[in-house]
């Protein structure tokens, strides 16, 4: 009987320490990361890219897939 009592007490303390480890500081927080795209970084280069892309698509010599 005494052995069961000690096992129960050890189990109680083990679970209380385990549950105590899950406090607020372990919660996951979302952070805002701003990742600028090419249009925001260099608008002139982006417009040149779009012009070249339109020209490439208008050209009939490339293979269309």
PDB file of N, CA and C in Angstrom:
ATOM      1  N   UNK A   1       0.823  -1.183   0.000  1.00  0.00           N
ATOM      2  CA  UNK A   1       0.000   0.000   0.000  1.00  0.00           C
ATOM      3  C   UNK A   1       0.873   1.256   0.000  1.00  0.00           C
ATOM      4  N   UNK A   2       1.954   1.223   0.754  1.00  0.00           N
ATOM      5  CA  UNK A   2       2.843   2.365   0.837  1.00  0.00           C
ATOM      6  C   UNK A   2       3.530   2.594  -0.517  1.00  0.00           C
ATOM      7  N   UNK A   3       3.807   1.527  -1.258  1.00  0.00           N
ATOM      8  CA  UNK A   3       4.450   1.630  -2.561  1.00  0.00           C
ATOM      9  C   UNK A   3       3.521   2.330  -3.565  1.00  0.00           C
ATOM     10  N   UNK A   4       2.241   2.022  -3.516  1.00  0.00           N
ATOM     11  CA  UNK A   4       1.278   2.661  -4.404  1.00  0.00           C
ATOM     12  C   UNK A   4       1.145   4.145  -4.076  1.00  0.00           C
ATOM     13  N   UNK A   5       1.220   4.472  -2.799  1.00  0.00           N
ATOM     14  CA  UNK A   5       1.120   5.866  -2.371  1.00  0.00           C
ATOM     15  C   UNK A   5       2.315   6.679  -2.877  1.00  0.00           C
ATOM     16  N   UNK A   6       3.503   6.138  -2.793  1.00  0.00           N
ATOM     17  CA  UNK A   6       4.691   6.852  -3.276  1.00  0.00           C
ATOM     18  C   UNK A   6       4.667   6.999  -4.794  1.00  0.00           C
ATOM     19  N   UNK A   7       4.183   5.988  -5.475  1.00  0.00           N
ATOM     20  CA  UNK A   7       4.058   6.076  -6.941  1.00  0.00           C
ATOM     21  C   UNK A   7       3.052   7.154  -7.311  1.00  0.00           C
ATOM     22  N   UNK A   8       1.941   7.226  -6.570  1.00  0.00           N
ATOM     23  CA  UNK A   8       0.927   8.242  -6.843  1.00  0.00           C
ATOM     24  C   UNK A   8       1.486   9.639  -6.595  1.00  0.00           C
ATOM     25  N   UNK A   9       2.255   9.814  -5.530  1.00  0.00           N
ATOM     26  CA  UNK A   9       2.831  11.123  -5.231  1.00  0.00           C
ATOM     27  C   UNK A   9       3.858  11.501  -6.302  1.00  0.00           C
ATOM     28  N   UNK A  10       4.700  10.574  -6.709  1.00  0.00           N
ATOM     29  CA  UNK A  10       5.669  10.846  -7.763  1.00  0.00           C
ATOM     30  C   UNK A  10       4.978  11.181  -9.083  1.00  0.00           C
ATOM     31  N   UNK A  11       3.921  10.478  -9.379  1.00  0.00           N
ATOM     32  CA  UNK A  11       3.162  10.754 -10.596  1.00  0.00           C
ATOM     33  C   UNK A  11       2.522  12.138 -10.536  1.00  0.00           C
ATOM     34  N   UNK A  12       2.009  12.507  -9.360  1.00  0.00           N
ATOM     35  CA  UNK A  12       1.409  13.822  -9.187  1.00  0.00           C
ATOM     36  C   UNK A  12       2.444  14.929  -9.406  1.00  0.00           C
ATOM     37  N   UNK A  13       3.609  14.810  -8.792  1.00  0.00           N
ATOM     38  CA  UNK A  13       4.637  15.836  -8.946  1.00  0.00           C
ATOM     39  C   UNK A  13       5.178  15.889 -10.379  1.00  0.00           C
ATOM     40  N   UNK A  14       5.298  14.744 -10.994  1.00  0.00           N
ATOM     41  CA  UNK A  14       5.778  14.712 -12.373  1.00  0.00           C
ATOM     42  C   UNK A  14       4.805  15.421 -13.303  1.00  0.00           C
ATOM     43  N   UNK A  15       3.522  15.152 -13.157  1.00  0.00           N
ATOM     44  CA  UNK A  15       2.533  15.819 -14.009  1.00  0.00           C
ATOM     45  C   UNK A  15       2.429  17.300 -13.700  1.00  0.00           C
ATOM     46  N   UNK A  16       2.568  17.685 -12.434  1.00  0.00           N
ATOM     47  CA  UNK A  16       2.483  19.112 -12.104  1.00  0.00           C
ATOM     48  C   UNK A  16       3.676  19.871 -12.677  1.00  0.00           C
ATOM     49  N   UNK A  17       4.879  19.278 -12.659  1.00  0.00           N
ATOM     50  CA  UNK A  17       6.034  19.938 -13.273  1.00  0.00           C
ATOM     51  C   UNK A  17       5.907  19.985 -14.794  1.00  0.00           C
ATOM     52  N   UNK A  18       5.361  18.941 -15.364  1.00  0.00           N
ATOM     53  CA  UNK A  18       5.203  18.903 -16.810  1.00  0.00           C
ATOM     54  C   UNK A  18       4.195  19.940 -17.274  1.00  0.00           C
ATOM     55  N   UNK A  19       3.088  20.061 -16.574  1.00  0.00           N
ATOM     56  CA  UNK A  19       2.080  21.046 -16.950  1.00  0.00           C
ATOM     57  C   UNK A  19       2.555  22.467 -16.654  1.00  0.00           C
ATOM     58  N   UNK A  20       3.398  22.625 -15.674  1.00  0.00           N
ATOM     59  CA  UNK A  20       3.934  23.945 -15.351  1.00  0.00           C
ATOM     60  C   UNK A  20       4.895  24.453 -16.398  1.00  0.00           C
ATOM     61  N   UNK A  21       5.460  23.563 -17.194  1.00  0.00           N
ATOM     62  CA  UNK A  21       6.405  23.969 -18.235  1.00  0.00           C
ATOM     63  C   UNK A  21       5.694  24.648 -19.406  1.00  0.00           C
ATOM     64  N   UNK A  22       4.423  24.441 -19.552  1.00  0.00           N
ATOM     65  CA  UNK A  22       3.669  25.031 -20.664  1.00  0.00           C
ATOM     66  C   UNK A  22       3.077  26.365 -20.226  1.00  0.00           C
ATOM     67  N   UNK A  23       3.888  27.356 -20.088  1.00  0.00           N
ATOM     68  CA  UNK A  23       3.403  28.664 -19.662  1.00  0.00           C
ATOM     69  C   UNK A  23       3.262  29.587 -20.868  1.00  0.00           C
ATOM     70  N   UNK A  24       2.996  30.847 -20.592  1.00  0.00           N
ATOM     71  CA  UNK A  24       2.739  31.800 -21.667  1.00  0.00           C
ATOM     72  C   UNK A  24       3.944  32.058 -22.549  1.00  0.00           C
ATOM     73  N   UNK A  25       5.140  31.940 -22.039  1.00  0.00           N
ATOM     74  CA  UNK A  25       6.314  32.257 -22.844  1.00  0.00           C
ATOM     75  C   UNK A  25       6.594  31.213 -23.915  1.00  0.00           C
ATOM     76  N   UNK A  26       5.902  30.078 -23.881  1.00  0.00           N
ATOM     77  CA  UNK A  26       6.103  29.067 -24.916  1.00  0.00           C
ATOM     78  C   UNK A  26       5.094  29.203 -26.051  1.00  0.00           C
ATOM     79  N   UNK A  27       4.150  30.158 -25.942  1.00  0.00           N
ATOM     80  CA  UNK A  27       3.169  30.348 -27.001  1.00  0.00           C
ATOM     81  C   UNK A  27       3.835  30.945 -28.231  1.00  0.00           C
ATOM     82  N   UNK A  28       3.322  30.572 -29.388  1.00  0.00           N
ATOM     83  CA  UNK A  28       3.859  31.045 -30.652  1.00  0.00           C
ATOM     84  C   UNK A  28       3.193  32.369 -30.998  1.00  0.00           C
ATOM     85  N   UNK A  29       4.002  33.346 -31.398  1.00  0.00           N
ATOM     86  CA  UNK A  29       3.481  34.636 -31.814  1.00  0.00           C
ATOM     87  C   UNK A  29       3.737  34.833 -33.302  1.00  0.00           C
ATOM     88  N   UNK A  30       2.788  35.448 -33.950  1.00  0.00           N
ATOM     89  CA  UNK A  30       2.982  35.795 -35.345  1.00  0.00           C
ATOM     90  C   UNK A  30       3.670  37.145 -35.447  1.00  0.00           C
ATOM     91  N   UNK A  31       4.610  37.243 -36.353  1.00  0.00           N
ATOM     92  CA  UNK A  31       5.290  38.515 -36.557  1.00  0.00           C
ATOM     93  C   UNK A  31       5.080  38.952 -37.997  1.00  0.00           C
ATOM     94  N   UNK A  32       5.091  40.252 -38.194  1.00  0.00           N
ATOM     95  CA  UNK A  32       4.904  40.795 -39.538  1.00  0.00           C
ATOM     96  C   UNK A  32       6.263  41.010 -40.177  1.00  0.00           C
ATOM     97  N   UNK A  33       6.488  40.309 -41.265  1.00  0.00           N
ATOM     98  CA  UNK A  33       7.728  40.452 -42.013  1.00  0.00           C
ATOM     99  C   UNK A  33       7.373  41.030 -43.371  1.00  0.00           C
ATOM    100  N   UNK A  34       7.928  42.162 -43.669  1.00  0.00           N
ATOM    101  CA  UNK A  34       7.664  42.799 -44.958  1.00  0.00           C
ATOM    102  C   UNK A  34       8.731  42.361 -45.948  1.00  0.00           C
ATOM    103  N   UNK A  35       8.304  41.661 -46.962  1.00  0.00           N
ATOM    104  CA  UNK A  35       9.211  41.220 -48.016  1.00  0.00           C
ATOM    105  C   UNK A  35       8.869  42.006 -49.281  1.00  0.00           C
ATOM    106  N   UNK A  36       9.673  42.997 -49.603  1.00  0.00           N
ATOM    107  CA  UNK A  36       9.359  43.810 -50.779  1.00  0.00           C
ATOM    108  C   UNK A  36       9.546  43.009 -52.063  1.00  0.00           C
ATOM    109  N   UNK A  37       8.664  43.267 -53.003  1.00  0.00           N
ATOM    110  CA  UNK A  37       8.780  42.583 -54.283  1.00  0.00           C
ATOM    111  C   UNK A  37       9.565  43.458 -55.262  1.00  0.00           C
ATOM    112  N   UNK A  38       9.781  42.970 -56.454  1.00  0.00           N
ATOM    113  CA  UNK A  38      10.607  43.683 -57.429  1.00  0.00           C
ATOM    114  C   UNK A  38       9.948  44.981 -57.862  1.00  0.00           C
ATOM    115  N   UNK A  39       8.631  45.022 -57.845  1.00  0.00           N
ATOM    116  CA  UNK A  39       7.932  46.243 -58.254  1.00  0.00           C
ATOM    117  C   UNK A  39       8.179  47.373 -57.249  1.00  0.00           C
ATOM    118  N   UNK A  40       8.297  47.043 -55.967  1.00  0.00           N
ATOM    119  CA  UNK A  40       8.562  48.066 -54.957  1.00  0.00           C
ATOM    120  C   UNK A  40      10.048  48.424 -54.884  1.00  0.00           C
ATOM    121  N   UNK A  41      10.911  47.470 -55.150  1.00  0.00           N
ATOM    122  CA  UNK A  41      12.340  47.722 -55.032  1.00  0.00           C
ATOM    123  C   UNK A  41      12.873  48.565 -56.198  1.00  0.00           C
ATOM    124  N   UNK A  42      12.514  48.191 -57.417  1.00  0.00           N
ATOM    125  CA  UNK A  42      13.034  48.884 -58.591  1.00  0.00           C
ATOM    126  C   UNK A  42      11.923  48.951 -59.641  1.00  0.00           C
ATOM    127  N   UNK A  43      11.076  49.968 -59.581  1.00  0.00           N
ATOM    128  CA  UNK A  43       9.939  50.034 -60.516  1.00  0.00           C
ATOM    129  C   UNK A  43      10.357  50.175 -61.973  1.00  0.00           C
ATOM    130  N   UNK A  44      11.462  50.864 -62.243  1.00  0.00           N
ATOM    131  CA  UNK A  44      11.902  51.020 -63.634  1.00  0.00           C
ATOM    132  C   UNK A  44      12.315  49.687 -64.240  1.00  0.00           C
ATOM    133  N   UNK A  45      13.030  48.899 -63.473  1.00  0.00           N
ATOM    134  CA  UNK A  45      13.449  47.578 -63.945  1.00  0.00           C
ATOM    135  C   UNK A  45      12.235  46.674 -64.153  1.00  0.00           C
ATOM    136  N   UNK A  46      11.236  46.805 -63.302  1.00  0.00           N
ATOM    137  CA  UNK A  46      10.033  45.990 -63.434  1.00  0.00           C
ATOM    138  C   UNK A  46       9.262  46.356 -64.700  1.00  0.00           C
ATOM    139  N   UNK A  47       9.164  47.638 -65.000  1.00  0.00           N
ATOM    140  CA  UNK A  47       8.458  48.029 -66.226  1.00  0.00           C
ATOM    141  C   UNK A  47       9.217  47.558 -67.470  1.00  0.00           C
ATOM    142  N   UNK A  48      10.556  47.619 -67.431  1.00  0.00           N
ATOM    143  CA  UNK A  48      11.349  47.099 -68.554  1.00  0.00           C
ATOM    144  C   UNK A  48      11.140  45.594 -68.711  1.00  0.00           C
ATOM    145  N   UNK A  49      11.060  44.900 -67.574  1.00  0.00           N
ATOM    146  CA  UNK A  49      10.825  43.453 -67.619  1.00  0.00           C
ATOM    147  C   UNK A  49       9.478  43.146 -68.257  1.00  0.00           C
ATOM    148  N   UNK A  50       8.456  43.888 -67.859  1.00  0.00           N
ATOM    149  CA  UNK A  50       7.125  43.647 -68.427  1.00  0.00           C
ATOM    150  C   UNK A  50       7.095  43.950 -69.920  1.00  0.00           C
ATOM    151  N   UNK A  51       7.789  45.017 -70.339  1.00  0.00           N
ATOM    152  CA  UNK A  51       7.849  45.334 -71.778  1.00  0.00           C
ATOM    153  C   UNK A  51       8.546  44.213 -72.551  1.00  0.00           C
ATOM    154  N   UNK A  52       9.654  43.724 -72.029  1.00  0.00           N
ATOM    155  CA  UNK A  52      10.362  42.618 -72.689  1.00  0.00           C
ATOM    156  C   UNK A  52       9.519  41.355 -72.710  1.00  0.00           C
ATOM    157  N   UNK A  53       8.767  41.108 -71.656  1.00  0.00           N
ATOM    158  CA  UNK A  53       7.904  39.929 -71.613  1.00  0.00           C
ATOM    159  C   UNK A  53       6.789  40.032 -72.639  1.00  0.00           C
ATOM    160  N   UNK A  54       6.193  41.201 -72.772  1.00  0.00           N
ATOM    161  CA  UNK A  54       5.141  41.392 -73.780  1.00  0.00           C
ATOM    162  C   UNK A  54       5.701  41.228 -75.193  1.00  0.00           C
ATOM    163  N   UNK A  55       6.888  41.750 -75.392  1.00  0.00           N
ATOM    164  CA  UNK A  55       7.536  41.625 -76.696  1.00  0.00           C
ATOM    165  C   UNK A  55       7.836  40.158 -76.999  1.00  0.00           C
ATOM    166  N   UNK A  56       8.303  39.423 -76.027  1.00  0.00           N
ATOM    167  CA  UNK A  56       8.606  38.000 -76.209  1.00  0.00           C
ATOM    168  C   UNK A  56       7.338  37.210 -76.521  1.00  0.00           C
ATOM    169  N   UNK A  57       6.264  37.529 -75.810  1.00  0.00           N
ATOM    170  CA  UNK A  57       5.012  36.815 -76.063  1.00  0.00           C
ATOM    171  C   UNK A  57       4.429  37.162 -77.423  1.00  0.00           C
ATOM    172  N   UNK A  58       4.647  38.387 -77.874  1.00  0.00           N
ATOM    173  CA  UNK A  58       4.126  38.797 -79.173  1.00  0.00           C
ATOM    174  C   UNK A  58       4.927  38.183 -80.316  1.00  0.00           C
ATOM    175  N   UNK A  59       6.183  37.854 -80.063  1.00  0.00           N
ATOM    176  CA  UNK A  59       7.029  37.256 -81.077  1.00  0.00           C
ATOM    177  C   UNK A  59       6.551  35.846 -81.385  1.00  0.00           C
ATOM    178  N   UNK A  60       6.460  35.501 -82.643  1.00  0.00           N
ATOM    179  CA  UNK A  60       5.949  34.182 -83.020  1.00  0.00           C
ATOM    180  C   UNK A  60       7.050  33.140 -83.202  1.00  0.00           C
ATOM    181  N   UNK A  61       8.298  33.546 -83.052  1.00  0.00           N
ATOM    182  CA  UNK A  61       9.384  32.602 -83.270  1.00  0.00           C
ATOM    183  C   UNK A  61       9.641  31.673 -82.090  1.00  0.00           C
ATOM    184  N   UNK A  62       9.198  32.044 -80.922  1.00  0.00           N
ATOM    185  CA  UNK A  62       9.425  31.151 -79.771  1.00  0.00           C
ATOM    186  C   UNK A  62       8.365  30.054 -79.747  1.00  0.00           C
ATOM    187  N   UNK A  63       8.705  28.966 -79.119  1.00  0.00           N
ATOM    188  CA  UNK A  63       7.789  27.824 -79.051  1.00  0.00           C
ATOM    189  C   UNK A  63       6.759  28.063 -77.953  1.00  0.00           C
ATOM    190  N   UNK A  64       5.531  27.824 -78.286  1.00  0.00           N
ATOM    191  CA  UNK A  64       4.474  27.933 -77.293  1.00  0.00           C
ATOM    192  C   UNK A  64       4.172  26.556 -76.757  1.00  0.00           C
ATOM    193  N   UNK A  65       4.128  26.452 -75.463  1.00  0.00           N
ATOM    194  CA  UNK A  65       3.893  25.154 -74.831  1.00  0.00           C
ATOM    195  C   UNK A  65       2.485  25.093 -74.326  1.00  0.00           C
TER     196      UNK A  65
END
